Amino acid sequence: MTKKSENIRQISREEADAAAKAWATPENLAWFDALTDEDIAKQIADNPDAAPELDDEWFENARLVIPLKNKKAA
């Protein structure tokens, strides 16, 4: 099991909604909209905790896995 970062904390749905609304200022939305693919790739490369970028090769090798339903023990 991996260790959680000390920067992660659990919040309620209402707190998450309020934080998203507070962040979504015209300035932040303009900055976000102006991000290029290169900007995003650099941010991913610079963050060791980030998931890898999902490129065409990833999607070519991806496969759908549907888990079996758990059966309750008798």
PDB file of N, CA and C in Angstrom:
ATOM      1  N   MET A   1       0.847  -1.182   0.000  1.00  0.00           N
ATOM      2  CA  MET A   1       0.000   0.000   0.000  1.00  0.00           C
ATOM      3  C   MET A   1       0.888   1.239   0.000  1.00  0.00           C
ATOM      4  N   THR A   2       0.540   2.216  -0.814  1.00  0.00           N
ATOM      5  CA  THR A   2       1.344   3.430  -0.872  1.00  0.00           C
ATOM      6  C   THR A   2       0.937   4.398   0.229  1.00  0.00           C
ATOM      7  N   LYS A   3       1.901   5.190   0.643  1.00  0.00           N
ATOM      8  CA  LYS A   3       1.653   6.170   1.696  1.00  0.00           C
ATOM      9  C   LYS A   3       0.953   7.396   1.097  1.00  0.00           C
ATOM     10  N   LYS A   4      -0.060   7.895   1.783  1.00  0.00           N
ATOM     11  CA  LYS A   4      -0.744   9.101   1.335  1.00  0.00           C
ATOM     12  C   LYS A   4       0.122  10.318   1.607  1.00  0.00           C
ATOM     13  N   SER A   5       0.068  11.263   0.705  1.00  0.00           N
ATOM     14  CA  SER A   5       0.770  12.523   0.904  1.00  0.00           C
ATOM     15  C   SER A   5       0.125  13.287   2.054  1.00  0.00           C
ATOM     16  N   GLU A   6       0.943  13.988   2.823  1.00  0.00           N
ATOM     17  CA  GLU A   6       0.379  14.789   3.920  1.00  0.00           C
ATOM     18  C   GLU A   6      -0.410  15.982   3.395  1.00  0.00           C
ATOM     19  N   ASN A   7      -0.334  16.241   2.079  1.00  0.00           N
ATOM     20  CA  ASN A   7      -1.077  17.354   1.485  1.00  0.00           C
ATOM     21  C   ASN A   7      -2.496  16.962   1.086  1.00  0.00           C
ATOM     22  N   ILE A   8      -2.862  15.716   1.317  1.00  0.00           N
ATOM     23  CA  ILE A   8      -4.195  15.245   0.941  1.00  0.00           C
ATOM     24  C   ILE A   8      -5.079  15.213   2.178  1.00  0.00           C
ATOM     25  N   ARG A   9      -6.280  15.770   2.032  1.00  0.00           N
ATOM     26  CA  ARG A   9      -7.236  15.686   3.131  1.00  0.00           C
ATOM     27  C   ARG A   9      -8.609  15.403   2.556  1.00  0.00           C
ATOM     28  N   GLN A  10      -9.444  14.792   3.356  1.00  0.00           N
ATOM     29  CA  GLN A  10     -10.783  14.427   2.935  1.00  0.00           C
ATOM     30  C   GLN A  10     -11.726  15.594   3.206  1.00  0.00           C
ATOM     31  N   ILE A  11     -12.552  15.920   2.191  1.00  0.00           N
ATOM     32  CA  ILE A  11     -13.535  16.989   2.355  1.00  0.00           C
ATOM     33  C   ILE A  11     -14.885  16.503   1.855  1.00  0.00           C
ATOM     34  N   SER A  12     -15.928  17.226   2.223  1.00  0.00           N
ATOM     35  CA  SER A  12     -17.273  16.847   1.804  1.00  0.00           C
ATOM     36  C   SER A  12     -17.531  17.294   0.364  1.00  0.00           C
ATOM     37  N   ARG A  13     -18.585  16.778  -0.207  1.00  0.00           N
ATOM     38  CA  ARG A  13     -18.990  17.156  -1.572  1.00  0.00           C
ATOM     39  C   ARG A  13     -19.286  18.658  -1.620  1.00  0.00           C
ATOM     40  N   GLU A  14     -19.923  19.167  -0.585  1.00  0.00           N
ATOM     41  CA  GLU A  14     -20.263  20.588  -0.542  1.00  0.00           C
ATOM     42  C   GLU A  14     -18.996  21.449  -0.509  1.00  0.00           C
ATOM     43  N   GLU A  15     -17.999  21.019   0.276  1.00  0.00           N
ATOM     44  CA  GLU A  15     -16.733  21.757   0.329  1.00  0.00           C
ATOM     45  C   GLU A  15     -16.019  21.724  -1.019  1.00  0.00           C
ATOM     46  N   ALA A  16     -16.076  20.574  -1.689  1.00  0.00           N
ATOM     47  CA  ALA A  16     -15.446  20.457  -3.005  1.00  0.00           C
ATOM     48  C   ALA A  16     -16.130  21.358  -4.027  1.00  0.00           C
ATOM     49  N   ASP A  17     -17.454  21.382  -3.994  1.00  0.00           N
ATOM     50  CA  ASP A  17     -18.207  22.252  -4.909  1.00  0.00           C
ATOM     51  C   ASP A  17     -17.874  23.725  -4.657  1.00  0.00           C
ATOM     52  N   ALA A  18     -17.799  24.121  -3.391  1.00  0.00           N
ATOM     53  CA  ALA A  18     -17.492  25.510  -3.043  1.00  0.00           C
ATOM     54  C   ALA A  18     -16.075  25.877  -3.488  1.00  0.00           C
ATOM     55  N   ALA A  19     -15.124  24.970  -3.304  1.00  0.00           N
ATOM     56  CA  ALA A  19     -13.744  25.238  -3.718  1.00  0.00           C
ATOM     57  C   ALA A  19     -13.654  25.372  -5.232  1.00  0.00           C
ATOM     58  N   ALA A  20     -14.372  24.522  -5.963  1.00  0.00           N
ATOM     59  CA  ALA A  20     -14.359  24.600  -7.430  1.00  0.00           C
ATOM     60  C   ALA A  20     -14.961  25.924  -7.909  1.00  0.00           C
ATOM     61  N   LYS A  21     -16.059  26.332  -7.295  1.00  0.00           N
ATOM     62  CA  LYS A  21     -16.687  27.604  -7.674  1.00  0.00           C
ATOM     63  C   LYS A  21     -15.784  28.786  -7.346  1.00  0.00           C
ATOM     64  N   ALA A  22     -15.077  28.714  -6.213  1.00  0.00           N
ATOM     65  CA  ALA A  22     -14.168  29.801  -5.830  1.00  0.00           C
ATOM     66  C   ALA A  22     -12.982  29.883  -6.781  1.00  0.00           C
ATOM     67  N   TRP A  23     -12.514  28.739  -7.279  1.00  0.00           N
ATOM     68  CA  TRP A  23     -11.360  28.717  -8.190  1.00  0.00           C
ATOM     69  C   TRP A  23     -11.730  29.220  -9.580  1.00  0.00           C
ATOM     70  N   ALA A  24     -12.969  28.991 -10.001  1.00  0.00           N
ATOM     71  CA  ALA A  24     -13.387  29.252 -11.377  1.00  0.00           C
ATOM     72  C   ALA A  24     -13.624  30.736 -11.650  1.00  0.00           C
ATOM     73  N   THR A  25     -12.599  31.546 -11.395  1.00  0.00           N
ATOM     74  CA  THR A  25     -12.675  32.971 -11.713  1.00  0.00           C
ATOM     75  C   THR A  25     -12.393  33.154 -13.205  1.00  0.00           C
ATOM     76  N   PRO A  26     -12.776  34.267 -13.793  1.00  0.00           N
ATOM     77  CA  PRO A  26     -12.463  34.491 -15.212  1.00  0.00           C
ATOM     78  C   PRO A  26     -10.959  34.382 -15.502  1.00  0.00           C
ATOM     79  N   GLU A  27     -10.126  34.886 -14.577  1.00  0.00           N
ATOM     80  CA  GLU A  27      -8.674  34.828 -14.786  1.00  0.00           C
ATOM     81  C   GLU A  27      -8.174  33.386 -14.791  1.00  0.00           C
ATOM     82  N   ASN A  28      -8.621  32.586 -13.818  1.00  0.00           N
ATOM     83  CA  ASN A  28      -8.190  31.186 -13.764  1.00  0.00           C
ATOM     84  C   ASN A  28      -8.699  30.393 -14.962  1.00  0.00           C
ATOM     85  N   LEU A  29      -9.926  30.642 -15.374  1.00  0.00           N
ATOM     86  CA  LEU A  29     -10.473  29.930 -16.527  1.00  0.00           C
ATOM     87  C   LEU A  29      -9.735  30.310 -17.808  1.00  0.00           C
ATOM     88  N   ALA A  30      -9.350  31.574 -17.949  1.00  0.00           N
ATOM     89  CA  ALA A  30      -8.574  32.004 -19.120  1.00  0.00           C
ATOM     90  C   ALA A  30      -7.199  31.338 -19.121  1.00  0.00           C
ATOM     91  N   TRP A  31      -6.550  31.273 -17.938  1.00  0.00           N
ATOM     92  CA  TRP A  31      -5.252  30.606 -17.839  1.00  0.00           C
ATOM     93  C   TRP A  31      -5.386  29.135 -18.223  1.00  0.00           C
ATOM     94  N   PHE A  32      -6.408  28.480 -17.698  1.00  0.00           N
ATOM     95  CA  PHE A  32      -6.625  27.064 -17.974  1.00  0.00           C
ATOM     96  C   PHE A  32      -6.870  26.835 -19.462  1.00  0.00           C
ATOM     97  N   ASP A  33      -7.691  27.681 -20.068  1.00  0.00           N
ATOM     98  CA  ASP A  33      -8.017  27.555 -21.484  1.00  0.00           C
ATOM     99  C   ASP A  33      -6.788  27.772 -22.368  1.00  0.00           C
ATOM    100  N   ALA A  34      -5.826  28.580 -21.889  1.00  0.00           N
ATOM    101  CA  ALA A  34      -4.635  28.894 -22.678  1.00  0.00           C
ATOM    102  C   ALA A  34      -3.546  27.817 -22.580  1.00  0.00           C
ATOM    103  N   LEU A  35      -3.715  26.832 -21.695  1.00  0.00           N
ATOM    104  CA  LEU A  35      -2.708  25.780 -21.576  1.00  0.00           C
ATOM    105  C   LEU A  35      -2.564  25.022 -22.894  1.00  0.00           C
ATOM    106  N   THR A  36      -1.315  24.783 -23.277  1.00  0.00           N
ATOM    107  CA  THR A  36      -1.052  24.002 -24.483  1.00  0.00           C
ATOM    108  C   THR A  36      -0.773  22.553 -24.087  1.00  0.00           C
ATOM    109  N   ASP A  37      -0.752  21.674 -25.066  1.00  0.00           N
ATOM    110  CA  ASP A  37      -0.400  20.274 -24.795  1.00  0.00           C
ATOM    111  C   ASP A  37       1.001  20.182 -24.209  1.00  0.00           C
ATOM    112  N   GLU A  38       1.898  21.046 -24.673  1.00  0.00           N
ATOM    113  CA  GLU A  38       3.273  21.057 -24.161  1.00  0.00           C
ATOM    114  C   GLU A  38       3.305  21.493 -22.693  1.00  0.00           C
ATOM    115  N   ASP A  39       2.494  22.496 -22.343  1.00  0.00           N
ATOM    116  CA  ASP A  39       2.403  22.938 -20.939  1.00  0.00           C
ATOM    117  C   ASP A  39       1.949  21.786 -20.038  1.00  0.00           C
ATOM    118  N   ILE A  40       0.933  21.071 -20.496  1.00  0.00           N
ATOM    119  CA  ILE A  40       0.381  19.975 -19.710  1.00  0.00           C
ATOM    120  C   ILE A  40       1.402  18.840 -19.584  1.00  0.00           C
ATOM    121  N   ALA A  41       2.072  18.504 -20.677  1.00  0.00           N
ATOM    122  CA  ALA A  41       3.090  17.450 -20.643  1.00  0.00           C
ATOM    123  C   ALA A  41       4.218  17.814 -19.680  1.00  0.00           C
ATOM    124  N   LYS A  42       4.623  19.090 -19.662  1.00  0.00           N
ATOM    125  CA  LYS A  42       5.687  19.523 -18.752  1.00  0.00           C
ATOM    126  C   LYS A  42       5.227  19.409 -17.300  1.00  0.00           C
ATOM    127  N   GLN A  43       3.992  19.813 -17.022  1.00  0.00           N
ATOM    128  CA  GLN A  43       3.478  19.707 -15.655  1.00  0.00           C
ATOM    129  C   GLN A  43       3.429  18.243 -15.196  1.00  0.00           C
ATOM    130  N   ILE A  44       3.038  17.349 -16.087  1.00  0.00           N
ATOM    131  CA  ILE A  44       3.009  15.922 -15.751  1.00  0.00           C
ATOM    132  C   ILE A  44       4.423  15.420 -15.482  1.00  0.00           C
ATOM    133  N   ALA A  45       5.363  15.794 -16.358  1.00  0.00           N
ATOM    134  CA  ALA A  45       6.757  15.345 -16.215  1.00  0.00           C
ATOM    135  C   ALA A  45       7.388  15.883 -14.930  1.00  0.00           C
ATOM    136  N   ASP A  46       7.010  17.091 -14.528  1.00  0.00           N
ATOM    137  CA  ASP A  46       7.598  17.726 -13.344  1.00  0.00           C
ATOM    138  C   ASP A  46       6.983  17.254 -12.030  1.00  0.00           C
ATOM    139  N   ASN A  47       5.886  16.504 -12.085  1.00  0.00           N
ATOM    140  CA  ASN A  47       5.192  16.085 -10.872  1.00  0.00           C
ATOM    141  C   ASN A  47       5.319  14.574 -10.704  1.00  0.00           C
ATOM    142  N   PRO A  48       6.133  14.115  -9.758  1.00  0.00           N
ATOM    143  CA  PRO A  48       6.312  12.671  -9.597  1.00  0.00           C
ATOM    144  C   PRO A  48       5.049  11.943  -9.134  1.00  0.00           C
ATOM    145  N   ASP A  49       4.074  12.661  -8.598  1.00  0.00           N
ATOM    146  CA  ASP A  49       2.834  12.040  -8.148  1.00  0.00           C
ATOM    147  C   ASP A  49       1.766  11.978  -9.235  1.00  0.00           C
ATOM    148  N   ALA A  50       2.025  12.605 -10.378  1.00  0.00           N
ATOM    149  CA  ALA A  50       1.022  12.653 -11.445  1.00  0.00           C
ATOM    150  C   ALA A  50       0.962  11.322 -12.184  1.00  0.00           C
ATOM    151  N   ALA A  51      -0.230  10.969 -12.613  1.00  0.00           N
ATOM    152  CA  ALA A  51      -0.400   9.793 -13.465  1.00  0.00           C
ATOM    153  C   ALA A  51       0.247  10.089 -14.819  1.00  0.00           C
ATOM    154  N   PRO A  52       0.693   9.063 -15.526  1.00  0.00           N
ATOM    155  CA  PRO A  52       1.304   9.316 -16.830  1.00  0.00           C
ATOM    156  C   PRO A  52       0.280   9.872 -17.821  1.00  0.00           C
ATOM    157  N   GLU A  53       0.788  10.581 -18.809  1.00  0.00           N
ATOM    158  CA  GLU A  53      -0.081  11.120 -19.853  1.00  0.00           C
ATOM    159  C   GLU A  53      -0.623   9.967 -20.692  1.00  0.00           C
ATOM    160  N   LEU A  54      -1.901  10.000 -20.972  1.00  0.00           N
ATOM    161  CA  LEU A  54      -2.516   8.954 -21.777  1.00  0.00           C
ATOM    162  C   LEU A  54      -2.418   9.349 -23.242  1.00  0.00           C
ATOM    163  N   ASP A  55      -1.464   8.723 -23.943  1.00  0.00           N
ATOM    164  CA  ASP A  55      -1.231   9.053 -25.344  1.00  0.00           C
ATOM    165  C   ASP A  55      -1.859   7.993 -26.251  1.00  0.00           C
ATOM    166  N   ASP A  56      -1.664   8.147 -27.557  1.00  0.00           N
ATOM    167  CA  ASP A  56      -2.249   7.205 -28.513  1.00  0.00           C
ATOM    168  C   ASP A  56      -1.782   5.774 -28.256  1.00  0.00           C
ATOM    169  N   GLU A  57      -0.504   5.610 -27.905  1.00  0.00           N
ATOM    170  CA  GLU A  57       0.016   4.266 -27.639  1.00  0.00           C
ATOM    171  C   GLU A  57      -0.711   3.628 -26.456  1.00  0.00           C
ATOM    172  N   TRP A  58      -0.981   4.418 -25.415  1.00  0.00           N
ATOM    173  CA  TRP A  58      -1.695   3.882 -24.260  1.00  0.00           C
ATOM    174  C   TRP A  58      -3.063   3.363 -24.681  1.00  0.00           C
ATOM    175  N   PHE A  59      -3.790   4.165 -25.471  1.00  0.00           N
ATOM    176  CA  PHE A  59      -5.132   3.766 -25.880  1.00  0.00           C
ATOM    177  C   PHE A  59      -5.102   2.570 -26.827  1.00  0.00           C
ATOM    178  N   GLU A  60      -4.057   2.451 -27.660  1.00  0.00           N
ATOM    179  CA  GLU A  60      -3.939   1.302 -28.556  1.00  0.00           C
ATOM    180  C   GLU A  60      -3.747   0.006 -27.773  1.00  0.00           C
ATOM    181  N   ASN A  61      -3.105   0.084 -26.616  1.00  0.00           N
ATOM    182  CA  ASN A  61      -2.828  -1.103 -25.811  1.00  0.00           C
ATOM    183  C   ASN A  61      -3.843  -1.327 -24.688  1.00  0.00           C
ATOM    184  N   ALA A  62      -4.773  -0.407 -24.526  1.00  0.00           N
ATOM    185  CA  ALA A  62      -5.756  -0.525 -23.450  1.00  0.00           C
ATOM    186  C   ALA A  62      -6.758  -1.624 -23.780  1.00  0.00           C
ATOM    187  N   ARG A  63      -7.281  -2.239 -22.741  1.00  0.00           N
ATOM    188  CA  ARG A  63      -8.340  -3.224 -22.939  1.00  0.00           C
ATOM    189  C   ARG A  63      -9.375  -3.046 -21.842  1.00  0.00           C
ATOM    190  N   LEU A  64     -10.606  -3.302 -22.192  1.00  0.00           N
ATOM    191  CA  LEU A  64     -11.710  -3.179 -21.249  1.00  0.00           C
ATOM    192  C   LEU A  64     -11.745  -4.410 -20.360  1.00  0.00           C
ATOM    193  N   VAL A  65     -11.783  -4.200 -19.063  1.00  0.00           N
ATOM    194  CA  VAL A  65     -11.883  -5.292 -18.104  1.00  0.00           C
ATOM    195  C   VAL A  65     -13.137  -5.048 -17.265  1.00  0.00           C
ATOM    196  N   ILE A  66     -14.050  -5.974 -17.326  1.00  0.00           N
ATOM    197  CA  ILE A  66     -15.279  -5.884 -16.550  1.00  0.00           C
ATOM    198  C   ILE A  66     -15.166  -6.867 -15.396  1.00  0.00           C
ATOM    199  N   PRO A  67     -15.085  -6.371 -14.152  1.00  0.00           N
ATOM    200  CA  PRO A  67     -14.922  -7.291 -13.023  1.00  0.00           C
ATOM    201  C   PRO A  67     -16.170  -8.126 -12.795  1.00  0.00           C
ATOM    202  N   LEU A  68     -15.944  -9.324 -12.298  1.00  0.00           N
ATOM    203  CA  LEU A  68     -17.063 -10.195 -11.948  1.00  0.00           C
ATOM    204  C   LEU A  68     -17.705  -9.658 -10.679  1.00  0.00           C
ATOM    205  N   LYS A  69     -18.989  -9.851 -10.560  1.00  0.00           N
ATOM    206  CA  LYS A  69     -19.680  -9.431  -9.329  1.00  0.00           C
ATOM    207  C   LYS A  69     -19.249 -10.353  -8.198  1.00  0.00           C
ATOM    208  N   ASN A  70     -19.065  -9.763  -7.032  1.00  0.00           N
ATOM    209  CA  ASN A  70     -18.718 -10.565  -5.856  1.00  0.00           C
ATOM    210  C   ASN A  70     -19.912 -11.384  -5.429  1.00  0.00           C
ATOM    211  N   LYS A  71     -19.632 -12.633  -5.090  1.00  0.00           N
ATOM    212  CA  LYS A  71     -20.690 -13.475  -4.545  1.00  0.00           C
ATOM    213  C   LYS A  71     -20.538 -13.479  -3.038  1.00  0.00           C
ATOM    214  N   LYS A  72     -21.645 -13.330  -2.327  1.00  0.00           N
ATOM    215  CA  LYS A  72     -21.596 -13.347  -0.872  1.00  0.00           C
ATOM    216  C   LYS A  72     -21.289 -14.760  -0.389  1.00  0.00           C
ATOM    217  N   ALA A  73     -20.417 -14.812   0.624  1.00  0.00           N
ATOM    218  CA  ALA A  73     -20.062 -16.117   1.197  1.00  0.00           C
ATOM    219  C   ALA A  73     -21.263 -16.686   1.953  1.00  0.00           C
ATOM    220  N   ALA A  74     -21.420 -17.984   1.859  1.00  0.00           N
ATOM    221  CA  ALA A  74     -22.558 -18.632   2.527  1.00  0.00           C
ATOM    222  C   ALA A  74     -22.312 -18.780   4.010  1.00  0.00           C
TER     223      ALA A  74
END
